[in-house]
Amino acid sequence: MDDISIIQALISEDPIRWRLLKMVRSLNLPDCWIGAGFLRNAVWDYLHGRSPSPVSTDVDVIWFDHKRCSPEEDKALETLLRGLDPTAMWSVKNQARMHVQNGDEPYLSTTDAMRYWPETATAVAVRLGESGSCEVAAPLGLDDLFGLVIRPAGKFATEKTKIYQERFKSKNWIDIWPLLTLASAPLPSIPCVKAT
């Protein structure tokens, strides 16, 4: 089974994550995914031989629409999602505006924005496609995610190292997933992995 098939099986067999994906799909937002720890943690649990841990961190809903860039729009969507499931800690961010906050050039899509995230293993996302299947986006590849490697991505390996180091310490990942290893060097340029 390849990495994408493993992700699709993990998510489709996890009733909580599947239900949350359905809720997000019901919003009909353009270029919309759930990313970061929602998927990363499930894969790391699987690789540690555990059942998926509860979705206890932010459920990072990411989408892309130049015409609806206000933070108030994202807050309204978070409120709507909390109404559907108040147990999840919803975080909604239109990636069409996030480049300003992050000091980057404008992003072209949600997947393009993920290339600027802090770690390679975190730059992953899933969504329910038109056919109801689980789609996977991994613009920095899946090698580090499945290799249990924590590696800073892009500027977090160079000019934003302090932010990366503080983030790593606060997340406590090594204690939670002891098979993880740290890598300091960024990955060479790799093509985007996107599958349905």
N, C-alpha and C. Protein backbone atom coordinates (compact mmCIF):
# COMPACT_ATOMS: atom_id res chain seq x y z
N MET A 1 0.85 -1.17 0.00
CA MET A 1 0.00 0.00 0.00
C MET A 1 0.90 1.24 0.00
N ASP A 2 0.65 2.17 -0.90
CA ASP A 2 1.48 3.39 -0.94
C ASP A 2 1.00 4.38 0.13
N ASP A 3 1.78 5.45 0.32
CA ASP A 3 1.50 6.41 1.39
C ASP A 3 0.13 7.06 1.24
N ILE A 4 -0.24 7.42 0.03
CA ILE A 4 -1.54 8.06 -0.18
C ILE A 4 -2.68 7.09 0.16
N SER A 5 -2.54 5.85 -0.24
CA SER A 5 -3.57 4.85 0.09
C SER A 5 -3.68 4.65 1.60
N ILE A 6 -2.54 4.71 2.29
CA ILE A 6 -2.56 4.57 3.76
C ILE A 6 -3.32 5.75 4.37
N ILE A 7 -3.03 6.97 3.90
CA ILE A 7 -3.74 8.14 4.40
C ILE A 7 -5.24 8.01 4.15
N GLN A 8 -5.60 7.63 2.94
CA GLN A 8 -7.02 7.50 2.60
C GLN A 8 -7.71 6.47 3.49
N ALA A 9 -7.02 5.37 3.76
CA ALA A 9 -7.60 4.34 4.64
C ALA A 9 -7.71 4.85 6.07
N LEU A 10 -6.66 5.50 6.57
CA LEU A 10 -6.69 6.01 7.94
C LEU A 10 -7.84 6.98 8.15
N ILE A 11 -8.00 7.90 7.21
CA ILE A 11 -9.04 8.93 7.37
C ILE A 11 -10.43 8.33 7.19
N SER A 12 -10.60 7.49 6.19
CA SER A 12 -11.94 6.93 5.94
C SER A 12 -12.38 5.97 7.04
N GLU A 13 -11.41 5.38 7.76
CA GLU A 13 -11.74 4.45 8.84
C GLU A 13 -11.85 5.14 10.20
N ASP A 14 -11.62 6.43 10.23
CA ASP A 14 -11.69 7.19 11.47
C ASP A 14 -13.02 7.97 11.47
N PRO A 15 -14.02 7.50 12.21
CA PRO A 15 -15.34 8.13 12.12
C PRO A 15 -15.36 9.60 12.52
N ILE A 16 -14.52 10.02 13.44
CA ILE A 16 -14.52 11.42 13.86
C ILE A 16 -13.94 12.29 12.76
N ARG A 17 -12.77 11.91 12.25
CA ARG A 17 -12.16 12.72 11.20
C ARG A 17 -13.04 12.74 9.94
N TRP A 18 -13.65 11.62 9.62
CA TRP A 18 -14.52 11.55 8.45
C TRP A 18 -15.73 12.48 8.61
N ARG A 19 -16.31 12.47 9.81
CA ARG A 19 -17.47 13.34 10.08
C ARG A 19 -17.08 14.82 9.96
N LEU A 20 -15.90 15.19 10.47
CA LEU A 20 -15.45 16.57 10.39
C LEU A 20 -15.20 16.97 8.94
N LEU A 21 -14.66 16.06 8.14
CA LEU A 21 -14.46 16.35 6.72
C LEU A 21 -15.80 16.59 6.02
N LYS A 22 -16.81 15.81 6.38
CA LYS A 22 -18.13 16.01 5.79
C LYS A 22 -18.70 17.38 6.16
N MET A 23 -18.50 17.79 7.41
CA MET A 23 -18.98 19.10 7.83
C MET A 23 -18.32 20.21 7.02
N VAL A 24 -17.03 20.10 6.86
CA VAL A 24 -16.29 21.12 6.11
C VAL A 24 -16.72 21.12 4.64
N ARG A 25 -16.91 19.96 4.07
CA ARG A 25 -17.36 19.91 2.67
C ARG A 25 -18.73 20.54 2.51
N SER A 26 -19.56 20.45 3.53
CA SER A 26 -20.92 21.02 3.44
C SER A 26 -20.89 22.55 3.30
N LEU A 27 -19.77 23.19 3.61
CA LEU A 27 -19.65 24.64 3.48
C LEU A 27 -19.46 25.08 2.03
N ASN A 28 -19.07 24.13 1.16
CA ASN A 28 -18.85 24.42 -0.27
C ASN A 28 -17.86 25.57 -0.49
N LEU A 29 -16.77 25.58 0.27
CA LEU A 29 -15.75 26.60 0.11
C LEU A 29 -14.79 26.20 -1.00
N PRO A 30 -14.31 27.16 -1.79
CA PRO A 30 -13.38 26.83 -2.86
C PRO A 30 -12.00 26.42 -2.32
N ASP A 31 -11.40 25.43 -2.99
CA ASP A 31 -10.05 24.96 -2.68
C ASP A 31 -9.89 24.75 -1.18
N CYS A 32 -10.80 23.99 -0.59
CA CYS A 32 -10.90 23.84 0.86
C CYS A 32 -10.41 22.48 1.33
N TRP A 33 -9.60 22.49 2.38
CA TRP A 33 -8.98 21.29 2.94
C TRP A 33 -8.96 21.39 4.46
N ILE A 34 -8.73 20.25 5.12
CA ILE A 34 -8.34 20.27 6.53
C ILE A 34 -6.89 19.79 6.56
N GLY A 35 -6.03 20.59 7.19
CA GLY A 35 -4.61 20.29 7.14
C GLY A 35 -3.94 20.20 8.49
N ALA A 36 -2.62 20.09 8.42
CA ALA A 36 -1.72 20.12 9.58
C ALA A 36 -1.95 18.92 10.50
N GLY A 37 -2.10 19.18 11.81
CA GLY A 37 -2.17 18.11 12.80
C GLY A 37 -3.31 17.15 12.62
N PHE A 38 -4.39 17.59 12.01
CA PHE A 38 -5.54 16.72 11.75
C PHE A 38 -5.11 15.45 11.03
N LEU A 39 -4.24 15.60 10.05
CA LEU A 39 -3.74 14.46 9.28
C LEU A 39 -2.41 13.96 9.83
N ARG A 40 -1.49 14.88 10.08
CA ARG A 40 -0.15 14.50 10.55
C ARG A 40 -0.23 13.60 11.78
N ASN A 41 -1.03 13.99 12.77
CA ASN A 41 -1.12 13.22 14.01
C ASN A 41 -1.67 11.82 13.77
N ALA A 42 -2.64 11.69 12.88
CA ALA A 42 -3.20 10.37 12.58
C ALA A 42 -2.15 9.46 11.96
N VAL A 43 -1.33 10.02 11.07
CA VAL A 43 -0.26 9.22 10.44
C VAL A 43 0.79 8.84 11.48
N TRP A 44 1.20 9.79 12.30
CA TRP A 44 2.21 9.46 13.32
C TRP A 44 1.68 8.44 14.31
N ASP A 45 0.41 8.50 14.68
CA ASP A 45 -0.17 7.48 15.55
C ASP A 45 -0.09 6.11 14.87
N TYR A 46 -0.47 6.06 13.62
CA TYR A 46 -0.44 4.81 12.85
C TYR A 46 0.98 4.23 12.82
N LEU A 47 1.96 5.09 12.57
CA LEU A 47 3.35 4.63 12.48
C LEU A 47 3.92 4.23 13.84
N HIS A 48 3.27 4.65 14.90
CA HIS A 48 3.66 4.23 16.25
C HIS A 48 2.82 3.04 16.73
N GLY A 49 1.99 2.49 15.83
CA GLY A 49 1.19 1.32 16.17
C GLY A 49 0.04 1.60 17.10
N ARG A 50 -0.44 2.83 17.09
CA ARG A 50 -1.54 3.22 17.97
C ARG A 50 -2.81 3.47 17.17
N SER A 51 -3.92 3.46 17.88
CA SER A 51 -5.17 3.93 17.29
C SER A 51 -5.07 5.44 17.14
N PRO A 52 -5.83 6.03 16.22
CA PRO A 52 -5.77 7.49 16.07
C PRO A 52 -6.13 8.20 17.37
N SER A 53 -5.30 9.15 17.75
CA SER A 53 -5.58 9.93 18.95
C SER A 53 -6.76 10.86 18.67
N PRO A 54 -7.43 11.30 19.72
CA PRO A 54 -8.56 12.21 19.51
C PRO A 54 -8.10 13.48 18.81
N VAL A 55 -9.02 14.11 18.11
CA VAL A 55 -8.73 15.38 17.46
C VAL A 55 -8.80 16.43 18.56
N SER A 56 -7.66 16.65 19.23
CA SER A 56 -7.65 17.51 20.41
C SER A 56 -7.03 18.88 20.14
N THR A 57 -6.37 19.02 19.01
CA THR A 57 -5.78 20.31 18.66
C THR A 57 -6.68 21.01 17.65
N ASP A 58 -6.25 22.17 17.18
CA ASP A 58 -7.03 22.89 16.18
C ASP A 58 -7.36 22.01 14.98
N VAL A 59 -8.58 22.14 14.50
CA VAL A 59 -8.94 21.54 13.22
C VAL A 59 -8.76 22.67 12.21
N ASP A 60 -7.63 22.61 11.49
CA ASP A 60 -7.22 23.70 10.61
C ASP A 60 -7.89 23.58 9.25
N VAL A 61 -8.94 24.39 9.06
CA VAL A 61 -9.65 24.44 7.79
C VAL A 61 -8.99 25.54 6.96
N ILE A 62 -8.50 25.16 5.80
CA ILE A 62 -7.81 26.11 4.93
C ILE A 62 -8.54 26.14 3.59
N TRP A 63 -8.67 27.33 3.04
CA TRP A 63 -9.39 27.49 1.78
C TRP A 63 -8.81 28.68 1.05
N PHE A 64 -9.30 28.92 -0.18
CA PHE A 64 -8.70 29.98 -0.98
C PHE A 64 -9.76 30.66 -1.82
N ASP A 65 -9.93 31.99 -1.56
CA ASP A 65 -10.86 32.79 -2.34
C ASP A 65 -10.46 34.25 -2.21
N HIS A 66 -9.96 34.84 -3.29
CA HIS A 66 -9.53 36.24 -3.29
C HIS A 66 -10.67 37.21 -2.99
N LYS A 67 -11.90 36.80 -3.25
CA LYS A 67 -13.04 37.71 -3.10
C LYS A 67 -13.60 37.75 -1.68
N ARG A 68 -13.14 36.85 -0.83
CA ARG A 68 -13.70 36.76 0.52
C ARG A 68 -12.56 36.73 1.55
N CYS A 69 -11.71 37.72 1.51
CA CYS A 69 -10.47 37.70 2.29
C CYS A 69 -10.53 38.29 3.69
N SER A 70 -11.67 38.67 4.15
CA SER A 70 -11.70 39.33 5.46
C SER A 70 -11.57 38.31 6.59
N PRO A 71 -10.87 38.67 7.66
CA PRO A 71 -10.80 37.79 8.83
C PRO A 71 -12.19 37.53 9.41
N GLU A 72 -13.09 38.49 9.24
CA GLU A 72 -14.46 38.32 9.76
C GLU A 72 -15.18 37.16 9.07
N GLU A 73 -14.87 36.97 7.79
CA GLU A 73 -15.45 35.84 7.05
C GLU A 73 -15.00 34.52 7.68
N ASP A 74 -13.70 34.42 7.99
CA ASP A 74 -13.19 33.21 8.63
C ASP A 74 -13.81 33.00 10.00
N LYS A 75 -13.97 34.07 10.76
CA LYS A 75 -14.59 33.96 12.10
C LYS A 75 -16.03 33.49 11.99
N ALA A 76 -16.75 33.98 10.98
CA ALA A 76 -18.14 33.55 10.77
C ALA A 76 -18.20 32.06 10.43
N LEU A 77 -17.25 31.60 9.62
CA LEU A 77 -17.19 30.18 9.28
C LEU A 77 -16.84 29.33 10.50
N GLU A 78 -15.96 29.81 11.34
CA GLU A 78 -15.63 29.10 12.59
C GLU A 78 -16.87 28.97 13.46
N THR A 79 -17.64 30.06 13.56
CA THR A 79 -18.87 30.04 14.35
C THR A 79 -19.87 29.03 13.78
N LEU A 80 -19.98 29.01 12.47
CA LEU A 80 -20.87 28.05 11.81
C LEU A 80 -20.43 26.61 12.11
N LEU A 81 -19.13 26.35 12.01
CA LEU A 81 -18.63 25.00 12.28
C LEU A 81 -18.79 24.63 13.75
N ARG A 82 -18.59 25.58 14.64
CA ARG A 82 -18.80 25.30 16.07
C ARG A 82 -20.26 24.93 16.34
N GLY A 83 -21.16 25.51 15.56
CA GLY A 83 -22.57 25.14 15.68
C GLY A 83 -22.82 23.71 15.24
N LEU A 84 -22.06 23.25 14.27
CA LEU A 84 -22.19 21.87 13.79
C LEU A 84 -21.51 20.88 14.72
N ASP A 85 -20.36 21.29 15.30
CA ASP A 85 -19.64 20.44 16.24
C ASP A 85 -18.87 21.32 17.22
N PRO A 86 -19.45 21.57 18.39
CA PRO A 86 -18.79 22.42 19.36
C PRO A 86 -17.61 21.77 20.07
N THR A 87 -17.41 20.47 19.88
CA THR A 87 -16.30 19.79 20.55
C THR A 87 -14.98 20.00 19.83
N ALA A 88 -15.02 20.38 18.56
CA ALA A 88 -13.79 20.61 17.79
C ALA A 88 -13.33 22.05 17.98
N MET A 89 -12.01 22.23 17.99
CA MET A 89 -11.43 23.58 18.09
C MET A 89 -11.15 24.05 16.66
N TRP A 90 -12.14 24.65 16.04
CA TRP A 90 -12.06 25.04 14.63
C TRP A 90 -11.17 26.25 14.44
N SER A 91 -10.33 26.19 13.43
CA SER A 91 -9.52 27.33 12.99
C SER A 91 -9.68 27.42 11.48
N VAL A 92 -10.26 28.50 11.00
CA VAL A 92 -10.51 28.66 9.56
C VAL A 92 -9.67 29.83 9.06
N LYS A 93 -8.91 29.57 7.99
CA LYS A 93 -8.05 30.62 7.42
C LYS A 93 -8.11 30.58 5.90
N ASN A 94 -8.56 31.68 5.32
CA ASN A 94 -8.52 31.84 3.87
C ASN A 94 -7.07 32.12 3.50
N GLN A 95 -6.44 31.22 2.79
CA GLN A 95 -5.02 31.34 2.46
C GLN A 95 -4.75 32.48 1.48
N ALA A 96 -5.78 33.02 0.86
CA ALA A 96 -5.61 34.15 -0.06
C ALA A 96 -5.16 35.42 0.66
N ARG A 97 -5.32 35.45 2.00
CA ARG A 97 -4.89 36.62 2.76
C ARG A 97 -3.71 36.35 3.69
N MET A 98 -3.34 35.11 3.86
CA MET A 98 -2.35 34.76 4.89
C MET A 98 -0.92 35.17 4.52
N HIS A 99 -0.66 35.40 3.25
CA HIS A 99 0.70 35.82 2.87
C HIS A 99 1.08 37.14 3.52
N VAL A 100 0.10 38.01 3.75
CA VAL A 100 0.37 39.31 4.37
C VAL A 100 0.88 39.09 5.79
N GLN A 101 0.18 38.27 6.55
CA GLN A 101 0.57 37.97 7.93
C GLN A 101 1.93 37.29 7.98
N ASN A 102 2.22 36.45 6.99
CA ASN A 102 3.45 35.65 7.01
C ASN A 102 4.64 36.32 6.32
N GLY A 103 4.41 37.47 5.70
CA GLY A 103 5.50 38.17 5.05
C GLY A 103 5.99 37.49 3.78
N ASP A 104 5.09 36.86 3.05
CA ASP A 104 5.44 36.14 1.82
C ASP A 104 4.82 36.86 0.62
N GLU A 105 5.22 36.41 -0.55
CA GLU A 105 4.55 36.85 -1.78
C GLU A 105 3.14 36.24 -1.78
N PRO A 106 2.19 36.83 -2.51
CA PRO A 106 0.83 36.26 -2.53
C PRO A 106 0.83 34.79 -2.96
N TYR A 107 0.03 34.02 -2.27
CA TYR A 107 -0.11 32.61 -2.60
C TYR A 107 -1.04 32.45 -3.80
N LEU A 108 -0.86 31.37 -4.53
CA LEU A 108 -1.66 31.11 -5.73
C LEU A 108 -2.84 30.19 -5.47
N SER A 109 -2.76 29.41 -4.40
CA SER A 109 -3.79 28.44 -4.07
C SER A 109 -3.56 27.98 -2.64
N THR A 110 -4.45 27.17 -2.14
CA THR A 110 -4.26 26.61 -0.80
C THR A 110 -3.00 25.75 -0.76
N THR A 111 -2.83 24.92 -1.76
CA THR A 111 -1.66 24.04 -1.79
C THR A 111 -0.37 24.85 -1.89
N ASP A 112 -0.39 25.92 -2.67
CA ASP A 112 0.79 26.78 -2.75
C ASP A 112 1.10 27.39 -1.38
N ALA A 113 0.09 27.83 -0.66
CA ALA A 113 0.29 28.41 0.67
C ALA A 113 0.92 27.40 1.63
N MET A 114 0.55 26.13 1.51
CA MET A 114 1.09 25.10 2.39
C MET A 114 2.61 24.94 2.22
N ARG A 115 3.16 25.33 1.09
CA ARG A 115 4.61 25.25 0.87
C ARG A 115 5.37 26.15 1.85
N TYR A 116 4.67 27.12 2.45
CA TYR A 116 5.30 28.08 3.36
C TYR A 116 5.07 27.74 4.82
N TRP A 117 4.49 26.59 5.09
CA TRP A 117 4.23 26.19 6.47
C TRP A 117 5.54 25.80 7.17
N PRO A 118 5.55 25.75 8.51
CA PRO A 118 6.81 25.58 9.25
C PRO A 118 7.54 24.25 9.07
N GLU A 119 6.81 23.14 8.97
CA GLU A 119 7.47 21.84 8.86
C GLU A 119 6.96 21.08 7.64
N THR A 120 7.83 20.28 7.08
CA THR A 120 7.45 19.48 5.92
C THR A 120 6.33 18.48 6.27
N ALA A 121 6.43 17.86 7.42
CA ALA A 121 5.43 16.85 7.81
C ALA A 121 4.08 17.46 8.17
N THR A 122 4.05 18.77 8.39
CA THR A 122 2.80 19.45 8.72
C THR A 122 2.11 19.97 7.46
N ALA A 123 2.84 20.12 6.38
CA ALA A 123 2.29 20.67 5.13
C ALA A 123 1.54 19.58 4.36
N VAL A 124 0.51 19.06 5.00
CA VAL A 124 -0.32 18.00 4.41
C VAL A 124 -1.78 18.33 4.71
N ALA A 125 -2.66 17.90 3.84
CA ALA A 125 -4.09 18.17 4.05
C ALA A 125 -4.93 17.13 3.33
N VAL A 126 -6.17 17.03 3.76
CA VAL A 126 -7.14 16.13 3.13
C VAL A 126 -8.46 16.85 2.96
N ARG A 127 -9.26 16.33 2.03
CA ARG A 127 -10.62 16.82 1.84
C ARG A 127 -11.43 15.69 1.21
N LEU A 128 -12.75 15.87 1.25
CA LEU A 128 -13.63 14.94 0.54
C LEU A 128 -13.85 15.50 -0.85
N GLY A 129 -13.55 14.70 -1.85
CA GLY A 129 -13.74 15.13 -3.22
C GLY A 129 -15.19 15.02 -3.66
N GLU A 130 -15.42 15.39 -4.89
CA GLU A 130 -16.77 15.35 -5.47
C GLU A 130 -17.40 13.97 -5.37
N SER A 131 -16.58 12.94 -5.55
CA SER A 131 -17.10 11.57 -5.53
C SER A 131 -17.23 11.01 -4.12
N GLY A 132 -16.83 11.81 -3.11
CA GLY A 132 -16.89 11.34 -1.74
C GLY A 132 -15.63 10.62 -1.30
N SER A 133 -14.61 10.62 -2.15
CA SER A 133 -13.36 9.97 -1.79
C SER A 133 -12.44 10.97 -1.08
N CYS A 134 -11.49 10.45 -0.38
CA CYS A 134 -10.53 11.28 0.35
C CYS A 134 -9.41 11.70 -0.59
N GLU A 135 -9.23 13.00 -0.74
CA GLU A 135 -8.14 13.55 -1.56
C GLU A 135 -7.03 14.03 -0.63
N VAL A 136 -5.79 13.92 -1.09
CA VAL A 136 -4.62 14.25 -0.29
C VAL A 136 -3.81 15.32 -1.01
N ALA A 137 -3.38 16.34 -0.27
CA ALA A 137 -2.45 17.35 -0.80
C ALA A 137 -1.21 17.38 0.08
N ALA A 138 -0.06 17.31 -0.56
CA ALA A 138 1.22 17.34 0.17
C ALA A 138 2.25 18.05 -0.70
N PRO A 139 2.23 19.37 -0.71
CA PRO A 139 3.13 20.10 -1.62
C PRO A 139 4.61 19.91 -1.33
N LEU A 140 4.95 19.47 -0.13
CA LEU A 140 6.36 19.20 0.20
C LEU A 140 6.63 17.70 0.27
N GLY A 141 5.71 16.92 -0.26
CA GLY A 141 5.88 15.47 -0.30
C GLY A 141 5.45 14.80 0.99
N LEU A 142 5.53 13.48 0.98
CA LEU A 142 5.11 12.68 2.13
C LEU A 142 6.27 11.94 2.80
N ASP A 143 7.47 12.09 2.26
CA ASP A 143 8.61 11.34 2.80
C ASP A 143 8.86 11.63 4.27
N ASP A 144 8.89 12.89 4.66
CA ASP A 144 9.16 13.21 6.07
C ASP A 144 8.01 12.78 6.97
N LEU A 145 6.79 12.95 6.51
CA LEU A 145 5.64 12.52 7.32
C LEU A 145 5.74 11.03 7.63
N PHE A 146 5.97 10.23 6.60
CA PHE A 146 6.03 8.77 6.80
C PHE A 146 7.40 8.31 7.31
N GLY A 147 8.41 9.14 7.17
CA GLY A 147 9.72 8.82 7.71
C GLY A 147 9.89 9.25 9.16
N LEU A 148 8.81 9.83 9.73
CA LEU A 148 8.81 10.32 11.11
C LEU A 148 9.91 11.35 11.34
N VAL A 149 10.07 12.24 10.37
CA VAL A 149 11.10 13.27 10.41
C VAL A 149 10.44 14.63 10.60
N ILE A 150 10.95 15.39 11.57
CA ILE A 150 10.53 16.77 11.76
C ILE A 150 11.62 17.62 11.13
N ARG A 151 11.24 18.33 10.07
CA ARG A 151 12.20 19.14 9.32
C ARG A 151 11.59 20.52 9.08
N PRO A 152 12.34 21.58 9.37
CA PRO A 152 11.82 22.91 9.05
C PRO A 152 11.72 23.10 7.55
N ALA A 153 10.71 23.82 7.13
CA ALA A 153 10.50 24.06 5.70
C ALA A 153 10.79 25.53 5.37
N GLY A 154 11.26 25.76 4.17
CA GLY A 154 11.44 27.11 3.65
C GLY A 154 12.17 28.04 4.59
N LYS A 155 11.57 29.20 4.86
CA LYS A 155 12.18 30.22 5.70
C LYS A 155 12.37 29.77 7.15
N PHE A 156 11.65 28.73 7.57
CA PHE A 156 11.79 28.23 8.94
C PHE A 156 13.10 27.48 9.13
N ALA A 157 13.78 27.16 8.04
CA ALA A 157 15.10 26.54 8.11
C ALA A 157 16.20 27.60 8.05
N THR A 158 15.83 28.85 7.77
CA THR A 158 16.83 29.91 7.62
C THR A 158 16.48 31.11 8.49
N GLU A 159 15.74 32.06 7.96
CA GLU A 159 15.50 33.30 8.68
C GLU A 159 14.45 33.22 9.79
N LYS A 160 13.64 32.16 9.83
CA LYS A 160 12.62 32.03 10.87
C LYS A 160 12.94 30.86 11.81
N THR A 161 14.21 30.56 12.00
CA THR A 161 14.58 29.40 12.83
C THR A 161 14.13 29.56 14.27
N LYS A 162 14.16 30.77 14.80
CA LYS A 162 13.74 30.96 16.19
C LYS A 162 12.26 30.62 16.35
N ILE A 163 11.44 31.05 15.41
CA ILE A 163 10.00 30.72 15.46
C ILE A 163 9.82 29.20 15.38
N TYR A 164 10.55 28.56 14.48
CA TYR A 164 10.47 27.10 14.33
C TYR A 164 10.87 26.41 15.64
N GLN A 165 11.98 26.83 16.24
CA GLN A 165 12.46 26.19 17.48
C GLN A 165 11.47 26.36 18.62
N GLU A 166 10.90 27.55 18.74
CA GLU A 166 9.89 27.78 19.78
C GLU A 166 8.66 26.93 19.54
N ARG A 167 8.27 26.82 18.30
CA ARG A 167 7.11 26.00 17.94
C ARG A 167 7.38 24.53 18.28
N PHE A 168 8.55 24.04 17.91
CA PHE A 168 8.92 22.65 18.19
C PHE A 168 8.87 22.36 19.69
N LYS A 169 9.45 23.24 20.48
CA LYS A 169 9.45 23.04 21.93
C LYS A 169 8.04 23.02 22.51
N SER A 170 7.20 23.94 22.03
CA SER A 170 5.85 24.05 22.59
C SER A 170 4.96 22.86 22.23
N LYS A 171 5.24 22.21 21.10
CA LYS A 171 4.39 21.11 20.64
C LYS A 171 4.65 19.80 21.38
N ASN A 172 5.85 19.62 21.93
CA ASN A 172 6.16 18.42 22.72
C ASN A 172 6.04 17.13 21.91
N TRP A 173 6.30 17.20 20.61
CA TRP A 173 6.09 16.06 19.73
C TRP A 173 6.93 14.84 20.08
N ILE A 174 8.19 15.04 20.46
CA ILE A 174 9.08 13.90 20.74
C ILE A 174 8.56 13.08 21.91
N ASP A 175 7.98 13.73 22.91
CA ASP A 175 7.42 12.98 24.04
C ASP A 175 6.17 12.20 23.63
N ILE A 176 5.38 12.78 22.74
CA ILE A 176 4.15 12.12 22.30
C ILE A 176 4.44 11.00 21.31
N TRP A 177 5.35 11.24 20.37
CA TRP A 177 5.72 10.27 19.34
C TRP A 177 7.23 10.05 19.39
N PRO A 178 7.71 9.16 20.26
CA PRO A 178 9.16 9.04 20.52
C PRO A 178 9.99 8.52 19.34
N LEU A 179 9.36 7.99 18.31
CA LEU A 179 10.13 7.52 17.15
C LEU A 179 10.51 8.65 16.20
N LEU A 180 10.02 9.85 16.46
CA LEU A 180 10.35 10.99 15.60
C LEU A 180 11.83 11.33 15.68
N THR A 181 12.35 11.83 14.57
CA THR A 181 13.72 12.32 14.53
C THR A 181 13.72 13.75 14.00
N LEU A 182 14.75 14.48 14.36
CA LEU A 182 14.88 15.87 13.91
C LEU A 182 15.86 15.94 12.75
N ALA A 183 15.53 16.78 11.79
CA ALA A 183 16.44 17.06 10.67
C ALA A 183 16.51 18.56 10.53
N SER A 184 17.70 19.09 10.36
CA SER A 184 17.83 20.54 10.28
C SER A 184 17.86 21.06 8.85
N ALA A 185 18.26 20.24 7.92
CA ALA A 185 18.40 20.70 6.53
C ALA A 185 17.06 20.66 5.81
N PRO A 186 16.79 21.68 4.99
CA PRO A 186 15.56 21.64 4.20
C PRO A 186 15.65 20.60 3.10
N LEU A 187 14.51 20.14 2.67
CA LEU A 187 14.45 19.20 1.56
C LEU A 187 14.79 19.88 0.24
N PRO A 188 15.35 19.15 -0.71
CA PRO A 188 15.49 19.73 -2.05
C PRO A 188 14.09 19.95 -2.64
N SER A 189 14.01 20.75 -3.67
CA SER A 189 12.73 21.03 -4.32
C SER A 189 12.13 19.74 -4.84
N ILE A 190 10.86 19.50 -4.48
CA ILE A 190 10.18 18.28 -4.92
C ILE A 190 8.81 18.66 -5.47
N PRO A 191 8.27 17.82 -6.34
CA PRO A 191 6.96 18.13 -6.90
C PRO A 191 5.85 17.94 -5.87
N CYS A 192 4.76 18.61 -6.09
CA CYS A 192 3.60 18.52 -5.24
C CYS A 192 2.94 17.15 -5.38
N VAL A 193 2.55 16.57 -4.26
CA VAL A 193 1.79 15.32 -4.26
C VAL A 193 0.34 15.70 -4.05
N LYS A 194 -0.50 15.35 -5.00
CA LYS A 194 -1.93 15.62 -4.87
C LYS A 194 -2.64 14.44 -5.51
N ALA A 195 -3.46 13.78 -4.74
CA ALA A 195 -4.11 12.59 -5.25
C ALA A 195 -5.57 12.55 -4.87
N THR A 196 -6.35 11.86 -5.67
CA THR A 196 -7.77 11.68 -5.35
C THR A 196 -8.01 10.24 -5.03
